[in-house]
Amino acid sequence: EAGLKADSNMIKNIQGFLKQALDSKYQGWPKWYAEAGIRQSKSYALAMLSRSGENVAAYISVMYKERNTLGLFELVNLTEAINRQTQLEQATKMSQINSLVKLMENHIHVTAGEIQFTDNTQNTPEIWSSPVRNSALVLKVLCEVKPDHDLLPALVRWLAGETRNGHFGTTHNNAQALSALAKYVKIMEPVNPDLSVKALLGSSPLAEARFTAFTDPAVRGSAPLTSIPEDDPAVVYSLEGQGQVWSALKLKSAPAEADLSAATSGGFMLSRAFTVLDAEGKGKPGAQSFKRGDLVRVSVTMMVPARRHSVVLEDRVPAGFEPVNFMLRDADMSLQARVNESGGGYPGYWYSHVEIWPDKVAVYADYLDSGVYTFSY
């Protein structure tokens, strides 16, 4: 697609391997892949074969019959595979695509002025699934099959707003998100903008700019809360020329005096259980009394109501307890097998960093989706 020269024998070998992977008798999947992970990997292989020009109509037919049981990632790949198949009749192709797009819309999660696509399929390999990747993949396929879809601007607004310090969290996220946004720009704005924009807060100027290239920097304006007119608080945009305008409004405020009684949980829920362990590392959670020399496993469970960035789970160590940090050389490593359950101080699947202090244990996560998370020490 990029015009690069590739060895034809290498391409044929790759195509042959992917076709082999689509065979129900293929035994080369990693043992830790669940059935859902294998099915998603097959859908990706199907999309890549179709993109390379291979006739995969027979495989498409089998997967399309199971469309009502497919997860979001599989629906996206199947849609791309169908769209790129020249062997299918156009009427059949569009009918199948419309059906799959409706199924993808069942995965929409709506927030104020934005939407994202979420996949609740269990046991999915991490390389396939994240909110950014899911939404980016949907954006790319919708740009190809439904460029006039009403929800595209809201999806792009959410995806563009997911950057943190100039990136999307991981290399794979960066690649998928940037390629999706680039495709959207190419389809929706095929020529450079030539646009003058003014933003008014009531009757007062808030920001003004002229854009003649996609690389023009963003323009920011600000105003104190006291300048918002009570009779006409609207922000009005005036546009002249050709192009699209993307804008975001943020309202920041703080109380004049801190009111600690107004603190809320923000939807988070926490619970903590103590387990006194025997020599084999077994015990019953819920212990409430302890004696000197007991080995105790502390399990902290956190329920997250919605996606959250930069989460810190901090647990204060009760008086009389001493946390064991197995990352230190002088730690009693013979205790690790008895204590280890979901962490023991080492980075796990949902957190990126752990700090163990004499009086507290802190667990850091860059990003958490809604769900239940447990850390033990």
Protein backbone atom coordinates (compact mmCIF):
# COMPACT_ATOMS: atom_id res chain seq x y z
CA GLU A 1 0.00 0.00 0.00
CA ALA A 2 2.89 2.38 0.71
CA GLY A 3 4.53 1.62 -2.64
CA LEU A 4 7.48 -0.23 -1.11
CA LYS A 5 8.99 -3.16 -2.98
CA ALA A 6 8.57 -6.51 -1.23
CA ASP A 7 9.92 -9.91 -2.20
CA SER A 8 7.07 -11.80 -3.89
CA ASN A 9 8.13 -15.14 -2.40
CA MET A 10 8.11 -13.62 1.08
CA ILE A 11 4.58 -12.28 0.55
CA LYS A 12 3.41 -15.70 -0.67
CA ASN A 13 4.96 -17.39 2.35
CA ILE A 14 3.18 -14.97 4.69
CA GLN A 15 -0.12 -15.52 2.90
CA GLY A 16 0.35 -19.27 3.11
CA PHE A 17 1.05 -19.12 6.82
CA LEU A 18 -2.03 -16.96 7.49
CA LYS A 19 -4.23 -19.32 5.49
CA GLN A 20 -2.83 -22.20 7.52
CA ALA A 21 -3.74 -20.34 10.71
CA LEU A 22 -7.34 -20.01 9.51
CA ASP A 23 -7.63 -23.78 9.20
CA SER A 24 -9.59 -25.35 12.05
CA LYS A 25 -6.95 -28.08 12.32
CA TYR A 26 -4.08 -25.65 12.92
CA GLN A 27 -2.25 -26.51 16.18
CA GLY A 28 0.31 -23.71 16.34
CA TRP A 29 -1.51 -21.40 18.75
CA PRO A 30 0.23 -20.58 22.06
CA LYS A 31 -1.09 -22.68 24.92
CA TRP A 32 -2.02 -19.56 26.92
CA TYR A 33 -4.39 -18.36 24.15
CA ALA A 34 -8.02 -18.77 25.15
CA GLU A 35 -10.60 -19.62 22.50
CA ALA A 36 -11.63 -15.95 22.26
CA GLY A 37 -8.01 -14.94 21.60
CA ILE A 38 -7.62 -17.53 18.84
CA ARG A 39 -10.84 -16.38 17.19
CA GLN A 40 -9.73 -12.75 17.27
CA SER A 41 -6.33 -13.63 15.83
CA LYS A 42 -8.04 -15.51 13.00
CA SER A 43 -10.20 -12.49 12.22
CA TYR A 44 -7.07 -10.35 11.96
CA ALA A 45 -5.42 -12.89 9.64
CA LEU A 46 -8.57 -12.85 7.51
CA ALA A 47 -8.48 -9.05 7.19
CA MET A 48 -4.77 -9.04 6.27
CA LEU A 49 -5.26 -11.72 3.60
CA SER A 50 -8.12 -9.76 2.09
CA ARG A 51 -6.02 -6.60 2.16
CA SER A 52 -3.25 -8.41 0.29
CA GLY A 53 -5.66 -9.34 -2.51
CA GLU A 54 -6.28 -12.98 -1.61
CA ASN A 55 -9.67 -14.57 -2.27
CA VAL A 56 -10.96 -15.43 1.20
CA ALA A 57 -14.67 -15.46 0.40
CA ALA A 58 -15.10 -18.98 1.81
CA TYR A 59 -13.57 -18.00 5.17
CA ILE A 60 -15.67 -14.82 5.20
CA SER A 61 -18.84 -16.85 4.69
CA VAL A 62 -18.05 -19.05 7.70
CA MET A 63 -17.28 -16.13 10.00
CA TYR A 64 -20.24 -14.04 8.80
CA LYS A 65 -22.65 -16.80 9.81
CA GLU A 66 -21.35 -16.38 13.38
CA ARG A 67 -21.57 -12.57 13.33
CA ASN A 68 -23.99 -12.32 16.26
CA THR A 69 -21.44 -14.02 18.54
CA LEU A 70 -18.42 -11.96 17.45
CA GLY A 71 -16.69 -9.34 19.57
CA LEU A 72 -15.91 -5.82 18.38
CA PHE A 73 -12.38 -6.62 17.15
CA GLU A 74 -13.69 -9.52 15.05
CA LEU A 75 -16.52 -7.42 13.63
CA VAL A 76 -14.06 -4.73 12.52
CA ASN A 77 -11.75 -7.24 10.82
CA LEU A 78 -14.61 -9.06 9.13
CA THR A 79 -15.98 -5.75 7.82
CA GLU A 80 -12.58 -4.85 6.35
CA ALA A 81 -12.20 -8.30 4.81
CA ILE A 82 -15.61 -8.05 3.12
CA ASN A 83 -15.02 -4.51 1.91
CA ARG A 84 -11.76 -5.49 0.17
CA GLN A 85 -13.10 -8.62 -1.54
CA THR A 86 -13.57 -7.96 -5.26
CA GLN A 87 -15.09 -11.42 -5.74
CA LEU A 88 -18.28 -10.49 -3.83
CA GLU A 89 -21.24 -8.87 -5.57
CA GLN A 90 -21.62 -5.21 -4.59
CA ALA A 91 -25.20 -5.63 -3.33
CA THR A 92 -24.20 -8.59 -1.15
CA LYS A 93 -21.14 -6.78 0.09
CA MET A 94 -23.07 -3.66 1.18
CA SER A 95 -25.81 -5.72 2.82
CA GLN A 96 -23.26 -7.62 4.90
CA ILE A 97 -21.34 -4.46 5.77
CA ASN A 98 -24.50 -2.65 6.91
CA SER A 99 -25.36 -5.60 9.12
CA LEU A 100 -21.89 -5.63 10.71
CA VAL A 101 -21.86 -1.84 11.27
CA LYS A 102 -25.12 -2.14 13.23
CA LEU A 103 -23.52 -4.82 15.40
CA MET A 104 -20.47 -2.59 15.97
CA GLU A 105 -22.77 0.22 17.08
CA ASN A 106 -23.87 -1.99 19.99
CA HIS A 107 -20.38 -1.43 21.45
CA ILE A 108 -20.69 2.36 21.61
CA HIS A 109 -20.07 4.04 24.95
CA VAL A 110 -21.42 7.60 25.00
CA THR A 111 -20.04 10.50 27.02
CA ALA A 112 -20.67 14.24 26.73
CA GLY A 113 -20.16 15.12 23.06
CA GLU A 114 -17.96 12.06 22.51
CA ILE A 115 -18.21 8.33 21.84
CA GLN A 116 -15.82 5.42 22.12
CA PHE A 117 -16.08 1.75 21.20
CA THR A 118 -15.52 -0.82 23.93
CA ASP A 119 -15.08 -4.58 23.67
CA ASN A 120 -16.14 -6.67 26.65
CA THR A 121 -14.82 -9.95 25.23
CA GLN A 122 -13.01 -11.90 27.93
CA ASN A 123 -9.56 -13.53 27.62
CA THR A 124 -8.46 -11.22 24.82
CA PRO A 125 -4.69 -10.97 24.13
CA GLU A 126 -3.54 -7.54 25.31
CA ILE A 127 -2.06 -6.76 21.89
CA TRP A 128 -5.56 -6.76 20.39
CA SER A 129 -7.59 -4.90 22.95
CA SER A 130 -7.55 -1.43 24.50
CA PRO A 131 -10.08 1.41 24.32
CA VAL A 132 -7.77 3.47 22.09
CA ARG A 133 -7.01 0.59 19.72
CA ASN A 134 -10.63 -0.53 19.51
CA SER A 135 -11.88 2.96 18.69
CA ALA A 136 -9.04 3.59 16.23
CA LEU A 137 -9.77 0.35 14.35
CA VAL A 138 -13.47 1.21 14.15
CA LEU A 139 -12.64 4.71 12.91
CA LYS A 140 -10.43 3.33 10.14
CA VAL A 141 -12.99 0.83 8.87
CA LEU A 142 -15.86 3.35 9.08
CA CYS A 143 -13.82 5.83 7.03
CA GLU A 144 -13.69 3.17 4.31
CA VAL A 145 -17.23 1.81 4.40
CA LYS A 146 -19.31 4.62 5.98
CA PRO A 147 -17.45 7.94 5.59
CA ASP A 148 -20.74 9.82 6.12
CA HIS A 149 -21.53 8.08 9.42
CA ASP A 150 -23.09 10.57 11.85
CA LEU A 151 -20.93 9.47 14.79
CA LEU A 152 -17.51 9.89 13.17
CA PRO A 153 -16.87 13.45 14.49
CA ALA A 154 -17.74 12.40 18.05
CA LEU A 155 -15.47 9.35 17.76
CA VAL A 156 -12.59 11.46 16.44
CA ARG A 157 -13.12 13.99 19.24
CA TRP A 158 -12.78 11.24 21.86
CA LEU A 159 -9.75 9.64 20.21
CA ALA A 160 -7.90 12.93 19.78
CA GLY A 161 -8.55 13.75 23.43
CA GLU A 162 -6.97 10.51 24.68
CA THR A 163 -3.40 11.74 24.26
CA ARG A 164 -1.34 12.15 27.41
CA ASN A 165 1.84 14.23 27.08
CA GLY A 166 1.74 13.85 23.31
CA HIS A 167 1.18 10.08 23.08
CA PHE A 168 -1.54 7.47 23.47
CA GLY A 169 0.12 5.34 26.14
CA THR A 170 1.79 2.56 24.12
CA THR A 171 3.56 2.19 20.77
CA HIS A 172 0.72 0.04 19.43
CA ASN A 173 -1.85 2.61 20.55
CA ASN A 174 0.18 5.38 18.89
CA ALA A 175 0.36 3.51 15.59
CA GLN A 176 -3.33 2.65 15.46
CA ALA A 177 -4.60 6.04 16.63
CA LEU A 178 -2.36 8.13 14.38
CA SER A 179 -3.08 6.03 11.29
CA ALA A 180 -6.83 6.24 12.01
CA LEU A 181 -6.78 10.01 12.50
CA ALA A 182 -4.66 10.45 9.36
CA LYS A 183 -7.17 8.41 7.35
CA TYR A 184 -10.03 10.51 8.70
CA VAL A 185 -8.27 13.75 7.72
CA LYS A 186 -7.52 12.41 4.23
CA ILE A 187 -11.17 11.49 3.66
CA MET A 188 -12.89 14.42 5.34
CA GLU A 189 -10.45 17.18 4.36
CA PRO A 190 -8.69 16.22 1.12
CA VAL A 191 -7.39 19.79 0.59
CA ASN A 192 -5.63 22.24 2.89
CA PRO A 193 -7.89 24.53 4.92
CA ASP A 194 -8.28 28.21 4.17
CA LEU A 195 -10.30 29.34 7.12
CA SER A 196 -10.69 32.27 9.49
CA VAL A 197 -12.25 31.59 12.89
CA LYS A 198 -13.46 33.87 15.67
CA ALA A 199 -14.78 32.74 19.05
CA LEU A 200 -16.92 35.08 21.14
CA LEU A 201 -17.91 34.65 24.78
CA GLY A 202 -21.17 36.53 24.77
CA SER A 203 -20.10 39.68 22.92
CA SER A 204 -16.46 39.62 24.05
CA PRO A 205 -13.66 38.14 21.88
CA LEU A 206 -12.27 34.88 23.27
CA ALA A 207 -9.91 33.71 20.47
CA GLU A 208 -9.19 34.41 16.81
CA ALA A 209 -7.10 32.57 14.21
CA ARG A 210 -6.54 31.88 10.53
CA PHE A 211 -5.67 28.37 9.32
CA THR A 212 -4.05 27.63 5.94
CA ALA A 213 -2.38 24.26 6.66
CA PHE A 214 -3.00 21.16 8.75
CA THR A 215 0.25 21.86 10.60
CA ASP A 216 -0.90 25.24 11.90
CA PRO A 217 -0.74 25.24 15.70
CA ALA A 218 -3.84 25.23 17.85
CA VAL A 219 -5.01 28.56 19.23
CA ARG A 220 -6.09 28.95 22.83
CA GLY A 221 -8.15 31.61 24.56
CA SER A 222 -9.13 32.03 28.18
CA ALA A 223 -11.34 34.18 30.36
CA PRO A 224 -11.99 34.37 34.10
CA LEU A 225 -15.22 32.93 35.44
CA THR A 226 -16.30 36.39 36.51
CA SER A 227 -16.34 37.53 32.86
CA ILE A 228 -19.00 35.00 31.81
CA PRO A 229 -22.18 37.02 31.18
CA GLU A 230 -25.14 35.69 33.14
CA ASP A 231 -27.67 36.70 30.48
CA ASP A 232 -25.73 35.24 27.51
CA PRO A 233 -23.09 32.63 28.56
CA ALA A 234 -22.81 30.98 25.12
CA VAL A 235 -19.58 30.67 23.11
CA VAL A 236 -20.31 31.57 19.47
CA TYR A 237 -18.01 30.68 16.55
CA SER A 238 -17.77 32.74 13.35
CA LEU A 239 -16.30 30.91 10.33
CA GLU A 240 -15.17 32.21 6.92
CA GLY A 241 -13.60 30.02 4.22
CA GLN A 242 -13.22 26.27 3.74
CA GLY A 243 -12.24 23.62 6.25
CA GLN A 244 -13.36 22.05 9.51
CA VAL A 245 -13.00 23.51 12.98
CA TRP A 246 -12.28 21.40 16.06
CA SER A 247 -12.81 23.06 19.39
CA ALA A 248 -12.89 22.12 23.05
CA LEU A 249 -14.25 24.07 26.00
CA LYS A 250 -12.97 23.47 29.53
CA LEU A 251 -14.28 25.01 32.71
CA LYS A 252 -11.91 25.06 35.69
CA SER A 253 -12.91 26.19 39.14
CA ALA A 254 -11.87 25.77 42.76
CA PRO A 255 -13.54 26.69 46.04
CA ALA A 256 -12.23 29.80 47.78
CA GLU A 257 -11.79 27.71 50.93
CA ALA A 258 -11.15 23.97 51.04
CA ASP A 259 -14.11 21.97 52.33
CA LEU A 260 -12.80 18.52 53.23
CA SER A 261 -16.27 17.38 54.25
CA ALA A 262 -17.28 17.63 50.60
CA ALA A 263 -14.76 14.95 49.54
CA THR A 264 -16.38 12.04 47.69
CA SER A 265 -15.32 8.60 46.52
CA GLY A 266 -15.73 9.53 42.86
CA GLY A 267 -17.43 6.19 42.31
CA PHE A 268 -14.46 4.14 43.58
CA MET A 269 -15.10 1.38 46.12
CA LEU A 270 -12.42 -0.23 48.28
CA SER A 271 -12.27 -3.29 50.52
CA ARG A 272 -9.43 -4.92 52.42
CA ALA A 273 -9.06 -8.47 53.76
CA PHE A 274 -6.40 -9.98 56.05
CA THR A 275 -5.40 -13.65 55.82
CA VAL A 276 -3.14 -15.33 58.40
CA LEU A 277 -1.06 -17.83 56.41
CA ASP A 278 0.15 -21.21 57.58
CA ALA A 279 3.40 -22.93 56.52
CA GLU A 280 1.82 -23.91 53.18
CA GLY A 281 0.60 -20.40 52.40
CA LYS A 282 -3.03 -21.23 53.14
CA GLY A 283 -5.50 -19.42 55.33
CA LYS A 284 -9.01 -18.04 55.60
CA PRO A 285 -9.59 -14.37 54.60
CA GLY A 286 -11.25 -12.14 57.16
CA ALA A 287 -8.86 -12.47 60.11
CA GLN A 288 -9.38 -9.82 62.81
CA SER A 289 -6.90 -10.84 65.50
CA PHE A 290 -3.18 -11.50 65.16
CA LYS A 291 -0.22 -12.51 67.30
CA ARG A 292 3.43 -11.67 67.07
CA GLY A 293 5.24 -13.53 64.29
CA ASP A 294 2.12 -14.16 62.14
CA LEU A 295 2.60 -14.01 58.38
CA VAL A 296 -0.38 -12.03 57.06
CA ARG A 297 -1.44 -11.49 53.46
CA VAL A 298 -3.25 -8.20 52.87
CA SER A 299 -5.55 -8.12 49.81
CA VAL A 300 -6.92 -4.74 48.73
CA THR A 301 -9.74 -4.80 46.17
CA MET A 302 -10.69 -1.70 44.21
CA MET A 303 -13.77 -1.23 42.03
CA VAL A 304 -13.33 1.36 39.28
CA PRO A 305 -16.61 2.81 37.92
CA ALA A 306 -15.26 4.07 34.57
CA ARG A 307 -11.96 4.57 32.75
CA ARG A 308 -9.50 6.52 34.86
CA HIS A 309 -6.00 7.87 34.26
CA SER A 310 -3.15 8.18 36.78
CA VAL A 311 -4.68 6.15 39.62
CA VAL A 312 -2.86 5.67 42.93
CA LEU A 313 -4.06 2.96 45.32
CA GLU A 314 -2.55 3.69 48.74
CA ASP A 315 -3.02 1.36 51.71
CA ARG A 316 -1.94 2.42 55.18
CA VAL A 317 -0.23 -0.40 57.10
CA PRO A 318 -1.90 -1.09 60.47
CA ALA A 319 0.13 -0.49 63.63
CA GLY A 320 2.25 -3.47 64.58
CA PHE A 321 2.60 -4.75 61.00
CA GLU A 322 5.74 -4.60 58.86
CA PRO A 323 5.33 -4.94 55.08
CA VAL A 324 7.76 -7.29 53.32
CA ASN A 325 9.38 -5.90 50.18
CA PHE A 326 10.61 -8.85 48.10
CA MET A 327 12.43 -6.49 45.74
CA LEU A 328 15.02 -5.82 48.45
CA ARG A 329 18.06 -8.08 48.73
CA ASP A 330 17.70 -8.59 52.47
CA ALA A 331 14.05 -9.74 52.24
CA ASP A 332 13.24 -13.25 53.47
CA MET A 333 12.59 -14.85 50.08
CA SER A 334 11.37 -18.06 51.71
CA LEU A 335 8.15 -16.19 52.52
CA GLN A 336 7.44 -15.19 48.93
CA ALA A 337 5.86 -18.46 47.79
CA ARG A 338 3.53 -18.37 50.79
CA VAL A 339 2.51 -14.73 50.34
CA ASN A 340 2.48 -14.28 46.57
CA GLU A 341 -1.04 -14.09 45.16
CA SER A 342 -1.44 -11.13 42.80
CA GLY A 343 1.69 -9.08 43.18
CA GLY A 344 4.03 -9.43 46.14
CA GLY A 345 5.54 -6.08 45.13
CA TYR A 346 6.19 -6.84 41.47
CA PRO A 347 4.54 -4.95 38.57
CA GLY A 348 1.41 -6.77 37.45
CA TYR A 349 -0.97 -6.67 34.55
CA TRP A 350 -2.94 -3.63 35.72
CA TYR A 351 -0.39 -1.54 37.59
CA SER A 352 2.93 -0.12 36.48
CA HIS A 353 4.76 0.67 39.70
CA VAL A 354 4.73 -0.26 43.40
CA GLU A 355 6.26 1.50 46.39
CA ILE A 356 6.49 -0.26 49.77
CA TRP A 357 7.15 1.96 52.78
CA PRO A 358 7.21 1.12 56.52
CA ASP A 359 3.80 2.78 57.00
CA LYS A 360 2.08 2.34 53.61
CA VAL A 361 1.99 0.50 50.28
CA ALA A 362 1.30 2.52 47.13
CA VAL A 363 0.31 1.03 43.76
CA TYR A 364 0.37 3.19 40.61
CA ALA A 365 -1.58 2.64 37.38
CA ASP A 366 -1.30 4.84 34.29
CA TYR A 367 -4.71 3.76 33.03
CA LEU A 368 -7.57 1.64 34.34
CA ASP A 369 -10.73 0.64 32.55
CA SER A 370 -13.92 0.04 34.52
CA GLY A 371 -13.72 -3.18 36.53
CA VAL A 372 -12.46 -4.79 39.73
CA TYR A 373 -8.74 -4.88 40.58
CA THR A 374 -6.93 -6.62 43.44
CA PHE A 375 -3.44 -6.15 44.86
CA SER A 376 -1.93 -8.31 47.61
CA TYR A 377 1.17 -7.91 49.73
